[in-house]
Structure formats: C-alpha cells, structure tokens
Amino acid sequence: MAKTRISISLEQEQAERIRRHAERAGMDVSAYLVHAATRQMAETEAIEEQFAGVDALIAAAEAEAGAVAPESAATVGELTEQERREAESALGLVYGADRPSVRSGEAA
C-alpha cells in the first residue's frame, strides 16, 4: 500500500513535546502521530456508535417538535393527567429526578 505524506503545522513547543512522547514510546514521530490519531478515531467511532440510538431519538423528537405549531402548545392546565405525568417524566430525564414537581396550573 502506498503511503501518503501529510504536512502539519504546530508550535515548536508542541513539536518537542510530541517528539519526547514518541521517543518514550519507542516510536518515530510519524508512527506515534498515526497511532495517536488512529486511537482517537476508534474512540470517537465507538462513542458515536454507542449514542447512535439516542441521537436518532433526539433527531426524531426535534423533527416532531418542529412540526408542531407554536400556538398549539398546551399550558400545564390544559394537559390531561397522563400528559402531565409524561411531561414531568421527560423533564425528570432532562433535569434529574430531584427536580421539584410542577403543580397543576403552574408554568414549568
């Protein structure tokens, strides 16, 4: 496989620090940077994969919320008891379970 050269610019202090770390790892600077970048990419991809389901739920909720006309938003007093419990549960997920409960008729 053919190798490709990538040129980077960095401060002298950063370059020296990288050289020292590469030397301690028993690698040349190129191998050290490739290893560090590959490791970071694997970590990022693992995190993205782990949260893909949550990200999809958020995107769907945002799309659904964007489709609701602002004037159709209900006040706390207009919600059914079931809708109020669902809203409180959702707010608990966002703000934590120790969030004070909103009494019927009060704004959240």
C-alpha atoms as a PDB file:
ATOM      1  CA  MET A   1       0.000   0.000   0.000  1.00  0.00           C
ATOM      2  CA  ALA A   2       1.378   3.391  -0.993  1.00  0.00           C
ATOM      3  CA  LYS A   3       1.975   5.868   1.804  1.00  0.00           C
ATOM      4  CA  THR A   4       0.718   9.435   1.745  1.00  0.00           C
ATOM      5  CA  ARG A   5       2.514  12.345   3.324  1.00  0.00           C
ATOM      6  CA  ILE A   6       0.517  14.828   5.414  1.00  0.00           C
ATOM      7  CA  SER A   7       2.096  18.073   6.464  1.00  0.00           C
ATOM      8  CA  ILE A   8       1.048  19.721   9.720  1.00  0.00           C
ATOM      9  CA  SER A   9       1.987  22.998  11.337  1.00  0.00           C
ATOM     10  CA  LEU A  10       2.402  23.371  15.068  1.00  0.00           C
ATOM     11  CA  GLU A  11       4.204  25.408  17.659  1.00  0.00           C
ATOM     12  CA  GLN A  12       7.810  24.448  18.426  1.00  0.00           C
ATOM     13  CA  GLU A  13       6.879  23.549  22.000  1.00  0.00           C
ATOM     14  CA  GLN A  14       4.161  21.169  20.774  1.00  0.00           C
ATOM     15  CA  ALA A  15       6.586  19.560  18.311  1.00  0.00           C
ATOM     16  CA  GLU A  16       9.171  18.986  21.036  1.00  0.00           C
ATOM     17  CA  ARG A  17       6.577  17.525  23.365  1.00  0.00           C
ATOM     18  CA  ILE A  18       5.392  15.129  20.648  1.00  0.00           C
ATOM     19  CA  ARG A  19       8.992  14.117  19.890  1.00  0.00           C
ATOM     20  CA  ARG A  20       9.634  13.374  23.586  1.00  0.00           C
ATOM     21  CA  HIS A  21       6.470  11.284  23.880  1.00  0.00           C
ATOM     22  CA  ALA A  22       7.251   9.394  20.676  1.00  0.00           C
ATOM     23  CA  GLU A  23      10.760   8.667  21.917  1.00  0.00           C
ATOM     24  CA  ARG A  24       9.426   7.400  25.268  1.00  0.00           C
ATOM     25  CA  ALA A  25       7.023   5.135  23.368  1.00  0.00           C
ATOM     26  CA  GLY A  26       9.885   3.808  21.240  1.00  0.00           C
ATOM     27  CA  MET A  27       8.376   5.197  18.041  1.00  0.00           C
ATOM     28  CA  ASP A  28       9.331   7.734  15.449  1.00  0.00           C
ATOM     29  CA  VAL A  29       7.151  10.847  15.293  1.00  0.00           C
ATOM     30  CA  SER A  30       5.200   9.664  12.248  1.00  0.00           C
ATOM     31  CA  ALA A  31       4.329   6.307  13.796  1.00  0.00           C
ATOM     32  CA  TYR A  32       3.453   7.985  17.092  1.00  0.00           C
ATOM     33  CA  LEU A  33       1.100  10.503  15.434  1.00  0.00           C
ATOM     34  CA  VAL A  34      -0.541   7.801  13.305  1.00  0.00           C
ATOM     35  CA  HIS A  35      -1.032   5.659  16.405  1.00  0.00           C
ATOM     36  CA  ALA A  36      -2.486   8.585  18.384  1.00  0.00           C
ATOM     37  CA  ALA A  37      -4.814   9.632  15.567  1.00  0.00           C
ATOM     38  CA  THR A  38      -5.953   6.054  14.916  1.00  0.00           C
ATOM     39  CA  ARG A  39      -6.683   5.549  18.605  1.00  0.00           C
ATOM     40  CA  GLN A  40      -8.650   8.813  18.768  1.00  0.00           C
ATOM     41  CA  MET A  41     -10.650   7.880  15.668  1.00  0.00           C
ATOM     42  CA  ALA A  42     -11.514   4.452  17.124  1.00  0.00           C
ATOM     43  CA  GLU A  43     -12.637   6.083  20.380  1.00  0.00           C
ATOM     44  CA  THR A  44     -14.769   8.652  18.551  1.00  0.00           C
ATOM     45  CA  GLU A  45     -16.358   5.978  16.348  1.00  0.00           C
ATOM     46  CA  ALA A  46     -17.129   3.809  19.397  1.00  0.00           C
ATOM     47  CA  ILE A  47     -18.793   6.761  21.148  1.00  0.00           C
ATOM     48  CA  GLU A  48     -20.785   7.654  18.033  1.00  0.00           C
ATOM     49  CA  GLU A  49     -21.916   4.036  17.701  1.00  0.00           C
ATOM     50  CA  GLN A  50     -22.860   3.868  21.383  1.00  0.00           C
ATOM     51  CA  PHE A  51     -25.002   7.007  21.126  1.00  0.00           C
ATOM     52  CA  ALA A  52     -26.425   6.454  17.624  1.00  0.00           C
ATOM     53  CA  GLY A  53     -29.776   5.308  19.014  1.00  0.00           C
ATOM     54  CA  VAL A  54     -30.037   8.303  21.335  1.00  0.00           C
ATOM     55  CA  ASP A  55     -29.020  10.665  18.543  1.00  0.00           C
ATOM     56  CA  ALA A  56     -31.732   9.179  16.303  1.00  0.00           C
ATOM     57  CA  LEU A  57     -34.350   9.634  19.055  1.00  0.00           C
ATOM     58  CA  ILE A  58     -33.280  13.244  19.552  1.00  0.00           C
ATOM     59  CA  ALA A  59     -33.435  13.934  15.807  1.00  0.00           C
ATOM     60  CA  ALA A  60     -36.913  12.384  15.597  1.00  0.00           C
ATOM     61  CA  ALA A  61     -38.132  14.373  18.609  1.00  0.00           C
ATOM     62  CA  GLU A  62     -36.730  17.597  17.165  1.00  0.00           C
ATOM     63  CA  ALA A  63     -38.410  16.898  13.820  1.00  0.00           C
ATOM     64  CA  GLU A  64     -41.696  16.158  15.574  1.00  0.00           C
ATOM     65  CA  ALA A  65     -41.407  19.287  17.703  1.00  0.00           C
ATOM     66  CA  GLY A  66     -40.658  21.371  14.631  1.00  0.00           C
ATOM     67  CA  ALA A  67     -43.891  20.179  13.043  1.00  0.00           C
ATOM     68  CA  VAL A  68     -45.996  21.463  15.963  1.00  0.00           C
ATOM     69  CA  ALA A  69     -47.307  24.985  15.522  1.00  0.00           C
ATOM     70  CA  PRO A  70     -46.257  27.197  18.473  1.00  0.00           C
ATOM     71  CA  GLU A  71     -49.814  28.395  19.083  1.00  0.00           C
ATOM     72  CA  SER A  72     -50.983  24.820  19.599  1.00  0.00           C
ATOM     73  CA  ALA A  73     -48.722  24.298  22.614  1.00  0.00           C
ATOM     74  CA  ALA A  74     -50.767  23.448  25.699  1.00  0.00           C
ATOM     75  CA  THR A  75     -50.352  25.071  29.073  1.00  0.00           C
ATOM     76  CA  VAL A  76     -49.972  22.903  32.157  1.00  0.00           C
ATOM     77  CA  GLY A  77     -53.661  23.447  32.986  1.00  0.00           C
ATOM     78  CA  GLU A  78     -54.757  22.162  29.555  1.00  0.00           C
ATOM     79  CA  LEU A  79     -52.889  18.861  29.835  1.00  0.00           C
ATOM     80  CA  THR A  80     -54.601  15.649  30.780  1.00  0.00           C
ATOM     81  CA  GLU A  81     -53.270  13.946  33.892  1.00  0.00           C
ATOM     82  CA  GLN A  82     -51.499  11.361  31.710  1.00  0.00           C
ATOM     83  CA  GLU A  83     -49.902  14.084  29.535  1.00  0.00           C
ATOM     84  CA  ARG A  84     -48.783  15.951  32.669  1.00  0.00           C
ATOM     85  CA  ARG A  85     -47.161  12.776  34.087  1.00  0.00           C
ATOM     86  CA  GLU A  86     -45.410  12.139  30.755  1.00  0.00           C
ATOM     87  CA  ALA A  87     -44.133  15.723  30.638  1.00  0.00           C
ATOM     88  CA  GLU A  88     -42.900  15.513  34.250  1.00  0.00           C
ATOM     89  CA  SER A  89     -41.174  12.214  33.472  1.00  0.00           C
ATOM     90  CA  ALA A  90     -39.463  13.717  30.414  1.00  0.00           C
ATOM     91  CA  LEU A  91     -38.355  16.773  32.399  1.00  0.00           C
ATOM     92  CA  GLY A  92     -37.046  14.450  35.090  1.00  0.00           C
ATOM     93  CA  LEU A  93     -34.871  12.731  32.493  1.00  0.00           C
ATOM     94  CA  VAL A  94     -33.526  16.070  31.322  1.00  0.00           C
ATOM     95  CA  TYR A  95     -33.103  17.880  34.632  1.00  0.00           C
ATOM     96  CA  GLY A  96     -32.753  14.955  37.035  1.00  0.00           C
ATOM     97  CA  ALA A  97     -35.108  13.166  39.353  1.00  0.00           C
ATOM     98  CA  ASP A  98     -34.539  15.678  42.163  1.00  0.00           C
ATOM     99  CA  ARG A  99     -36.211  18.460  40.129  1.00  0.00           C
ATOM    100  CA  PRO A 100     -39.192  19.886  42.057  1.00  0.00           C
ATOM    101  CA  SER A 101     -42.520  18.747  40.651  1.00  0.00           C
ATOM    102  CA  VAL A 102     -44.760  21.340  38.962  1.00  0.00           C
ATOM    103  CA  ARG A 103     -48.262  21.532  40.386  1.00  0.00           C
ATOM    104  CA  SER A 104     -51.213  21.577  38.016  1.00  0.00           C
ATOM    105  CA  GLY A 105     -51.851  25.050  36.613  1.00  0.00           C
ATOM    106  CA  GLU A 106     -48.306  26.369  37.207  1.00  0.00           C
ATOM    107  CA  ALA A 107     -45.863  27.097  34.412  1.00  0.00           C
ATOM    108  CA  ALA A 108     -42.843  24.807  34.190  1.00  0.00           C
END
